[in-house]
Amino acid sequence: METAGTVKGVTVGSLFRVLLFVGVVAKFWWLILAALIVMVAASLGWWCCMQSDATDQRARRERAALAAQADEQHAWILAGDDRGVYGDYRPEISRTGTGEGPEGEAVPTRSATAHESPRSHHNLAPSAIRCEAGSTVK
């Protein structure tokens, strides 16, 4: 049974509200579009800031890890350990002292003289470093 003011279950008031909404959207579409653009731009700006912060944090962690590794290698140097010079990429030193590796390839060797302490190569002045061949590097 239909009452006054309804057409198949839809009231005149709800129909008026829908027409009013459509009229406002039709009249102010440009304002609605501008608000949407501002919201999208703000969201994009926020996302970029979050990505930048994550990148900064990652870079800080990498720098801290590098500093920790450098401190560890410096402590090794002070203790006279060659790991402080070579780090994780230490060359194989010939056990025979001939300067040749297991397959005959050249391997770096360091010959210490009797008057030289194990750490004395760290105390050389940069202007007078003596190579093993006998030439002086300036």
C-alpha atoms as a PDB file:
ATOM      1  CA  MET A   1       0.000   0.000   0.000  1.00  0.00           C
ATOM      2  CA  GLU A   2       1.392   3.352  -0.992  1.00  0.00           C
ATOM      3  CA  THR A   3       1.201   6.325   1.295  1.00  0.00           C
ATOM      4  CA  ALA A   4       1.131   9.959   0.332  1.00  0.00           C
ATOM      5  CA  GLY A   5       4.584  11.203  -0.777  1.00  0.00           C
ATOM      6  CA  THR A   6       6.009   7.828  -1.862  1.00  0.00           C
ATOM      7  CA  VAL A   7       6.401   6.298  -5.293  1.00  0.00           C
ATOM      8  CA  LYS A   8       7.094   2.552  -5.085  1.00  0.00           C
ATOM      9  CA  GLY A   9       8.944   2.828  -1.752  1.00  0.00           C
ATOM     10  CA  VAL A  10      10.946   5.960  -2.638  1.00  0.00           C
ATOM     11  CA  THR A  11      10.017   9.084  -0.711  1.00  0.00           C
ATOM     12  CA  VAL A  12       9.891  12.489  -2.265  1.00  0.00           C
ATOM     13  CA  GLY A  13      12.496  13.662   0.275  1.00  0.00           C
ATOM     14  CA  SER A  14      15.087  11.046  -0.758  1.00  0.00           C
ATOM     15  CA  LEU A  15      14.452  11.852  -4.435  1.00  0.00           C
ATOM     16  CA  PHE A  16      14.970  15.545  -3.655  1.00  0.00           C
ATOM     17  CA  ARG A  17      18.267  14.737  -1.874  1.00  0.00           C
ATOM     18  CA  VAL A  18      19.559  12.767  -4.870  1.00  0.00           C
ATOM     19  CA  LEU A  19      18.637  15.576  -7.254  1.00  0.00           C
ATOM     20  CA  LEU A  20      20.258  18.131  -4.956  1.00  0.00           C
ATOM     21  CA  PHE A  21      23.464  16.022  -4.821  1.00  0.00           C
ATOM     22  CA  VAL A  22      23.565  15.663  -8.616  1.00  0.00           C
ATOM     23  CA  GLY A  23      22.990  19.414  -8.997  1.00  0.00           C
ATOM     24  CA  VAL A  24      25.823  20.287  -6.595  1.00  0.00           C
ATOM     25  CA  VAL A  25      28.207  17.900  -8.364  1.00  0.00           C
ATOM     26  CA  ALA A  26      27.209  19.328 -11.777  1.00  0.00           C
ATOM     27  CA  LYS A  27      27.603  22.925 -10.581  1.00  0.00           C
ATOM     28  CA  PHE A  28      30.896  22.500  -8.624  1.00  0.00           C
ATOM     29  CA  TRP A  29      32.637  19.669 -10.523  1.00  0.00           C
ATOM     30  CA  TRP A  30      35.768  21.776 -10.946  1.00  0.00           C
ATOM     31  CA  LEU A  31      36.008  22.375  -7.182  1.00  0.00           C
ATOM     32  CA  ILE A  32      35.572  18.665  -6.467  1.00  0.00           C
ATOM     33  CA  LEU A  33      38.236  17.825  -9.054  1.00  0.00           C
ATOM     34  CA  ALA A  34      40.637  20.389  -7.527  1.00  0.00           C
ATOM     35  CA  ALA A  35      40.111  18.885  -4.052  1.00  0.00           C
ATOM     36  CA  LEU A  36      40.814  15.391  -5.424  1.00  0.00           C
ATOM     37  CA  ILE A  37      44.001  16.619  -7.113  1.00  0.00           C
ATOM     38  CA  VAL A  38      45.162  18.228  -3.865  1.00  0.00           C
ATOM     39  CA  MET A  39      44.482  15.014  -1.924  1.00  0.00           C
ATOM     40  CA  VAL A  40      46.350  12.882  -4.480  1.00  0.00           C
ATOM     41  CA  ALA A  41      49.300  15.301  -4.477  1.00  0.00           C
ATOM     42  CA  ALA A  42      49.419  15.315  -0.662  1.00  0.00           C
ATOM     43  CA  SER A  43      49.318  11.510  -0.576  1.00  0.00           C
ATOM     44  CA  LEU A  44      52.098  11.290  -3.161  1.00  0.00           C
ATOM     45  CA  GLY A  45      54.200  13.807  -1.218  1.00  0.00           C
ATOM     46  CA  TRP A  46      53.723  11.846   2.011  1.00  0.00           C
ATOM     47  CA  TRP A  47      54.710   8.596   0.278  1.00  0.00           C
ATOM     48  CA  CYS A  48      57.861  10.219  -1.176  1.00  0.00           C
ATOM     49  CA  CYS A  49      58.848  11.495   2.282  1.00  0.00           C
ATOM     50  CA  MET A  50      58.420   8.024   3.771  1.00  0.00           C
ATOM     51  CA  GLN A  51      60.567   6.514   1.005  1.00  0.00           C
ATOM     52  CA  SER A  52      63.222   9.176   1.558  1.00  0.00           C
ATOM     53  CA  ASP A  53      63.264   8.454   5.306  1.00  0.00           C
ATOM     54  CA  ALA A  54      63.637   4.727   4.643  1.00  0.00           C
ATOM     55  CA  THR A  55      66.523   5.422   2.248  1.00  0.00           C
ATOM     56  CA  ASP A  56      68.202   7.687   4.826  1.00  0.00           C
ATOM     57  CA  GLN A  57      67.857   5.037   7.530  1.00  0.00           C
ATOM     58  CA  ARG A  58      69.317   2.369   5.233  1.00  0.00           C
ATOM     59  CA  ALA A  59      72.267   4.651   4.388  1.00  0.00           C
ATOM     60  CA  ARG A  60      72.851   5.349   8.102  1.00  0.00           C
ATOM     61  CA  ARG A  61      72.880   1.606   8.861  1.00  0.00           C
ATOM     62  CA  GLU A  62      75.376   0.995   6.022  1.00  0.00           C
ATOM     63  CA  ARG A  63      77.652   3.815   7.252  1.00  0.00           C
ATOM     64  CA  ALA A  64      77.483   2.473  10.815  1.00  0.00           C
ATOM     65  CA  ALA A  65      78.394  -1.035   9.610  1.00  0.00           C
ATOM     66  CA  LEU A  66      81.304   0.366   7.600  1.00  0.00           C
ATOM     67  CA  ALA A  67      82.523   2.381  10.603  1.00  0.00           C
ATOM     68  CA  ALA A  68      82.306  -0.709  12.830  1.00  0.00           C
ATOM     69  CA  GLN A  69      84.328  -2.706  10.292  1.00  0.00           C
ATOM     70  CA  ALA A  70      86.921   0.077  10.075  1.00  0.00           C
ATOM     71  CA  ASP A  71      87.189   0.199  13.888  1.00  0.00           C
ATOM     72  CA  GLU A  72      87.696  -3.569  13.993  1.00  0.00           C
ATOM     73  CA  GLN A  73      90.403  -3.426  11.325  1.00  0.00           C
ATOM     74  CA  HIS A  74      92.068  -0.508  13.125  1.00  0.00           C
ATOM     75  CA  ALA A  75      92.148  -2.566  16.333  1.00  0.00           C
ATOM     76  CA  TRP A  76      93.747  -5.407  14.373  1.00  0.00           C
ATOM     77  CA  ILE A  77      96.392  -3.007  13.015  1.00  0.00           C
ATOM     78  CA  LEU A  78      97.187  -1.796  16.522  1.00  0.00           C
ATOM     79  CA  ALA A  79      97.521  -5.423  17.632  1.00  0.00           C
ATOM     80  CA  GLY A  80      99.928  -6.150  14.748  1.00  0.00           C
ATOM     81  CA  ASP A  81      97.490  -8.433  12.913  1.00  0.00           C
ATOM     82  CA  ASP A  82      97.641  -8.371   9.072  1.00  0.00           C
ATOM     83  CA  ARG A  83      93.850  -8.703   8.892  1.00  0.00           C
ATOM     84  CA  GLY A  84      93.795  -4.976   9.651  1.00  0.00           C
ATOM     85  CA  VAL A  85      95.598  -4.309   6.358  1.00  0.00           C
ATOM     86  CA  TYR A  86      93.792  -6.765   4.118  1.00  0.00           C
ATOM     87  CA  GLY A  87      90.382  -7.036   5.812  1.00  0.00           C
ATOM     88  CA  ASP A  88      88.229  -9.811   4.382  1.00  0.00           C
ATOM     89  CA  TYR A  89      90.378 -10.111   1.227  1.00  0.00           C
ATOM     90  CA  ARG A  90      93.633 -11.369   2.655  1.00  0.00           C
ATOM     91  CA  PRO A  91      95.958 -12.846  -0.002  1.00  0.00           C
ATOM     92  CA  GLU A  92      97.379 -16.319   0.384  1.00  0.00           C
ATOM     93  CA  ILE A  93     100.944 -16.125   1.670  1.00  0.00           C
ATOM     94  CA  SER A  94     103.354 -18.751   0.444  1.00  0.00           C
ATOM     95  CA  ARG A  95     104.318 -21.249   3.134  1.00  0.00           C
ATOM     96  CA  THR A  96     107.626 -21.956   1.384  1.00  0.00           C
ATOM     97  CA  GLY A  97     108.646 -18.304   1.202  1.00  0.00           C
ATOM     98  CA  THR A  98     109.365 -18.630  -2.533  1.00  0.00           C
ATOM     99  CA  GLY A  99     106.602 -16.270  -3.561  1.00  0.00           C
ATOM    100  CA  GLU A 100     104.740 -18.953  -5.482  1.00  0.00           C
ATOM    101  CA  GLY A 101     101.322 -20.297  -4.677  1.00  0.00           C
ATOM    102  CA  PRO A 102     100.112 -23.893  -4.983  1.00  0.00           C
ATOM    103  CA  GLU A 103      99.814 -23.739  -8.804  1.00  0.00           C
ATOM    104  CA  GLY A 104     102.992 -21.722  -9.314  1.00  0.00           C
ATOM    105  CA  GLU A 105     101.310 -18.294  -9.526  1.00  0.00           C
ATOM    106  CA  ALA A 106     102.995 -15.303  -7.929  1.00  0.00           C
ATOM    107  CA  VAL A 107     101.885 -14.603  -4.367  1.00  0.00           C
ATOM    108  CA  PRO A 108     102.726 -11.380  -2.526  1.00  0.00           C
ATOM    109  CA  THR A 109     105.321 -11.865   0.185  1.00  0.00           C
ATOM    110  CA  ARG A 110     106.779  -9.527   2.762  1.00  0.00           C
ATOM    111  CA  SER A 111     110.303 -10.030   3.971  1.00  0.00           C
ATOM    112  CA  ALA A 112     111.013  -8.562   7.396  1.00  0.00           C
ATOM    113  CA  THR A 113     114.597  -7.716   8.291  1.00  0.00           C
ATOM    114  CA  ALA A 114     116.158  -8.359  11.691  1.00  0.00           C
ATOM    115  CA  HIS A 115     115.976  -4.709  12.796  1.00  0.00           C
ATOM    116  CA  GLU A 116     112.355  -4.350  11.729  1.00  0.00           C
ATOM    117  CA  SER A 117     109.534  -5.043  14.172  1.00  0.00           C
ATOM    118  CA  PRO A 118     106.333  -6.619  12.824  1.00  0.00           C
ATOM    119  CA  ARG A 119     104.588  -3.234  12.975  1.00  0.00           C
ATOM    120  CA  SER A 120     107.391  -1.013  11.695  1.00  0.00           C
ATOM    121  CA  HIS A 121     106.003  -0.842   8.151  1.00  0.00           C
ATOM    122  CA  HIS A 122     103.164   1.287   9.594  1.00  0.00           C
ATOM    123  CA  ASN A 123     105.623   3.856  10.922  1.00  0.00           C
ATOM    124  CA  LEU A 124     107.330   4.674   7.608  1.00  0.00           C
ATOM    125  CA  ALA A 125     107.135   8.225   6.368  1.00  0.00           C
ATOM    126  CA  PRO A 126     105.133   8.490   3.123  1.00  0.00           C
ATOM    127  CA  SER A 127     108.001  10.254   1.370  1.00  0.00           C
ATOM    128  CA  ALA A 128     110.416   7.329   1.745  1.00  0.00           C
ATOM    129  CA  ILE A 129     108.735   3.979   1.324  1.00  0.00           C
ATOM    130  CA  ARG A 130     111.155   1.331   0.123  1.00  0.00           C
ATOM    131  CA  CYS A 131     109.903  -1.330  -2.277  1.00  0.00           C
ATOM    132  CA  GLU A 132     111.192  -4.899  -2.154  1.00  0.00           C
ATOM    133  CA  ALA A 133     113.017  -4.433  -5.452  1.00  0.00           C
ATOM    134  CA  GLY A 134     115.097  -1.743  -3.807  1.00  0.00           C
ATOM    135  CA  SER A 135     113.680   1.365  -5.486  1.00  0.00           C
ATOM    136  CA  THR A 136     112.356   4.200  -3.363  1.00  0.00           C
ATOM    137  CA  VAL A 137     108.845   5.504  -3.894  1.00  0.00           C
ATOM    138  CA  LYS A 138     108.428   9.216  -3.314  1.00  0.00           C
END
